[in-house]
Amino acid sequence: MAKIISINKSEIKGVLKTPSEKGILIENKGLEGDAHADGTHRQLSLLAKESYDKMEKLGISGLHWGSFAENITTEGITLYTLPVGTRLFLGKCEIEVTRIGKQCHGDCEIYKKAGTCVMPKEGIFVRILKGGEISAGDEIRITETKI
């Protein structure tokens, strides 16, 4: 079963996100209280625990959920293989994949330490179709996949 393992936010852009057990997704906006909740096509970012595992195998230690500035840390789903347009449920909230990966900025501390970073290739961005409360442990279900 795919699930949410952490909800992460920061009130200021450019700082590490703080992990939490709960959060509120606002339709067409983002995660309540997060600086990136601005209603663009990147309303919410997701990264898998499995991507963290890859970085730890490269010798990066001291990571915590939100270290890659993702809003939602997941487990049990290969996020970066989902085509743009795929719809999913996070608990009772519905989201749609709008982008796979992002451009890495050169001053990323993780990139400086490891020479690589997973977020540019394995992180995904979504828009929120149906908001509500989410919690760590909520199931993630794919409802529609675009090809």
Protein backbone atom coordinates (compact mmCIF):
# COMPACT_ATOMS: atom_id res chain seq x y z
CA MET A 1 0.00 0.00 0.00
CA ALA A 2 1.29 3.44 -0.93
CA LYS A 3 0.96 6.02 1.84
CA ILE A 4 1.90 9.47 3.11
CA ILE A 5 4.67 9.34 5.70
CA SER A 6 5.13 13.06 6.34
CA ILE A 7 3.60 16.46 5.55
CA ASN A 8 6.26 19.20 5.36
CA LYS A 9 5.99 22.98 5.15
CA SER A 10 7.87 26.21 5.65
CA GLU A 11 6.50 29.73 5.89
CA ILE A 12 9.52 31.14 4.02
CA LYS A 13 10.85 30.06 0.61
CA GLY A 14 14.43 28.80 0.47
CA VAL A 15 14.55 27.11 3.89
CA LEU A 16 14.16 23.46 4.90
CA LYS A 17 10.60 22.35 5.50
CA THR A 18 9.43 21.20 8.93
CA PRO A 19 7.82 17.73 9.10
CA SER A 20 4.34 17.33 10.56
CA GLU A 21 1.76 14.58 11.01
CA LYS A 22 -1.14 16.58 9.52
CA GLY A 23 -1.87 19.30 7.00
CA ILE A 24 -4.66 21.01 5.10
CA LEU A 25 -4.66 21.04 1.31
CA ILE A 26 -6.40 24.06 -0.20
CA GLU A 27 -8.02 23.48 -3.58
CA ASN A 28 -6.18 25.24 -6.44
CA LYS A 29 -3.68 26.78 -4.00
CA GLY A 30 -1.43 24.41 -2.01
CA LEU A 31 -0.58 23.30 1.53
CA GLU A 32 -1.94 25.67 4.15
CA GLY A 33 0.89 27.61 5.82
CA ASP A 34 3.49 26.79 3.16
CA ALA A 35 5.28 29.59 1.29
CA HIS A 36 4.86 27.77 -2.03
CA ALA A 37 1.05 27.67 -1.78
CA ASP A 38 0.60 30.21 -4.55
CA GLY A 39 -1.84 28.55 -6.93
CA THR A 40 0.65 27.85 -9.75
CA HIS A 41 0.98 24.48 -11.52
CA ARG A 42 3.42 23.53 -8.71
CA GLN A 43 0.93 23.79 -5.82
CA LEU A 44 2.33 20.79 -3.97
CA SER A 45 5.52 18.75 -4.27
CA LEU A 46 5.97 15.06 -3.50
CA LEU A 47 9.07 12.90 -3.04
CA ALA A 48 9.31 9.24 -2.09
CA LYS A 49 11.10 7.73 0.91
CA GLU A 50 12.74 5.45 -1.64
CA SER A 51 14.47 8.53 -3.10
CA TYR A 52 15.81 9.36 0.37
CA ASP A 53 17.14 5.80 0.57
CA LYS A 54 19.12 6.39 -2.66
CA MET A 55 20.77 9.49 -1.20
CA GLU A 56 21.63 7.70 2.05
CA LYS A 57 23.34 4.94 0.02
CA LEU A 58 25.51 7.71 -1.49
CA GLY A 59 26.63 8.63 2.03
CA ILE A 60 24.35 11.59 2.74
CA SER A 61 23.37 11.44 6.41
CA GLY A 62 21.28 13.63 8.68
CA LEU A 63 18.35 13.91 6.29
CA HIS A 64 14.84 14.38 7.63
CA TRP A 65 11.50 14.48 5.82
CA GLY A 66 11.34 17.84 4.05
CA SER A 67 15.11 18.04 3.46
CA PHE A 68 14.49 18.20 -0.30
CA ALA A 69 11.78 20.87 0.18
CA GLU A 70 9.01 18.42 -0.66
CA ASN A 71 5.60 19.00 0.89
CA ILE A 72 4.60 15.34 0.98
CA THR A 73 6.95 12.43 1.63
CA THR A 74 5.49 9.15 0.37
CA GLU A 75 6.27 5.46 0.58
CA GLY A 76 5.40 2.59 -1.74
CA ILE A 77 4.80 4.49 -5.00
CA THR A 78 7.29 5.32 -7.76
CA LEU A 79 6.19 8.91 -8.23
CA TYR A 80 8.47 9.94 -11.10
CA THR A 81 7.03 7.23 -13.37
CA LEU A 82 3.53 8.71 -13.22
CA PRO A 83 2.66 10.59 -16.42
CA VAL A 84 1.60 14.24 -16.27
CA GLY A 85 -2.19 14.26 -15.93
CA THR A 86 -2.33 11.26 -13.58
CA ARG A 87 -4.88 11.77 -10.82
CA LEU A 88 -4.39 10.42 -7.32
CA PHE A 89 -6.06 10.53 -3.94
CA LEU A 90 -4.08 11.47 -0.84
CA GLY A 91 -6.55 10.21 1.73
CA LYS A 92 -9.78 11.98 0.63
CA CYS A 93 -8.00 14.79 -1.26
CA GLU A 94 -7.62 14.58 -5.03
CA ILE A 95 -4.53 15.82 -6.89
CA GLU A 96 -3.27 15.82 -10.49
CA VAL A 97 0.36 15.49 -11.62
CA THR A 98 1.47 18.63 -13.48
CA ARG A 99 5.24 18.21 -13.66
CA ILE A 100 7.97 15.60 -13.12
CA GLY A 101 11.18 16.99 -11.63
CA LYS A 102 12.54 20.51 -11.54
CA GLN A 103 15.68 22.44 -12.28
CA CYS A 104 18.21 22.13 -9.47
CA HIS A 105 19.65 25.38 -8.20
CA GLY A 106 23.45 25.40 -7.91
CA ASP A 107 23.69 26.25 -4.22
CA CYS A 108 21.84 23.14 -2.98
CA GLU A 109 23.71 21.78 0.05
CA ILE A 110 22.85 18.19 -0.79
CA TYR A 111 24.22 18.55 -4.32
CA LYS A 112 27.42 20.07 -2.91
CA LYS A 113 27.90 17.06 -0.60
CA ALA A 114 26.92 14.23 -2.97
CA GLY A 115 27.38 15.67 -6.45
CA THR A 116 23.78 14.75 -7.20
CA CYS A 117 20.25 15.28 -5.92
CA VAL A 118 17.06 13.25 -6.38
CA MET A 119 14.48 16.05 -6.40
CA PRO A 120 15.23 17.29 -9.95
CA LYS A 121 14.47 13.86 -11.44
CA GLU A 122 12.30 12.05 -8.91
CA GLY A 123 10.20 14.76 -7.27
CA ILE A 124 6.80 15.54 -8.74
CA PHE A 125 4.51 18.54 -8.65
CA VAL A 126 0.73 18.50 -8.56
CA ARG A 127 -2.29 20.74 -8.45
CA ILE A 128 -4.99 20.22 -5.86
CA LEU A 129 -8.38 19.32 -7.33
CA LYS A 130 -10.15 18.57 -4.03
CA GLY A 131 -8.77 19.89 -0.76
CA GLY A 132 -9.13 18.81 2.84
CA GLU A 133 -7.12 17.41 5.74
CA ILE A 134 -4.36 14.87 5.17
CA SER A 135 -2.39 12.88 7.71
CA ALA A 136 0.70 10.71 7.86
CA GLY A 137 -0.48 7.16 7.20
CA ASP A 138 -3.18 8.17 4.70
CA GLU A 139 -3.39 5.86 1.69
CA ILE A 140 -2.34 7.09 -1.76
CA ARG A 141 -4.41 5.72 -4.63
CA ILE A 142 -4.08 6.29 -8.37
CA THR A 143 -7.51 7.00 -9.83
CA GLU A 144 -6.71 7.91 -13.44
CA THR A 145 -3.53 7.62 -15.50
CA LYS A 146 -2.94 9.64 -18.68
CA ILE A 147 -0.82 8.17 -21.44
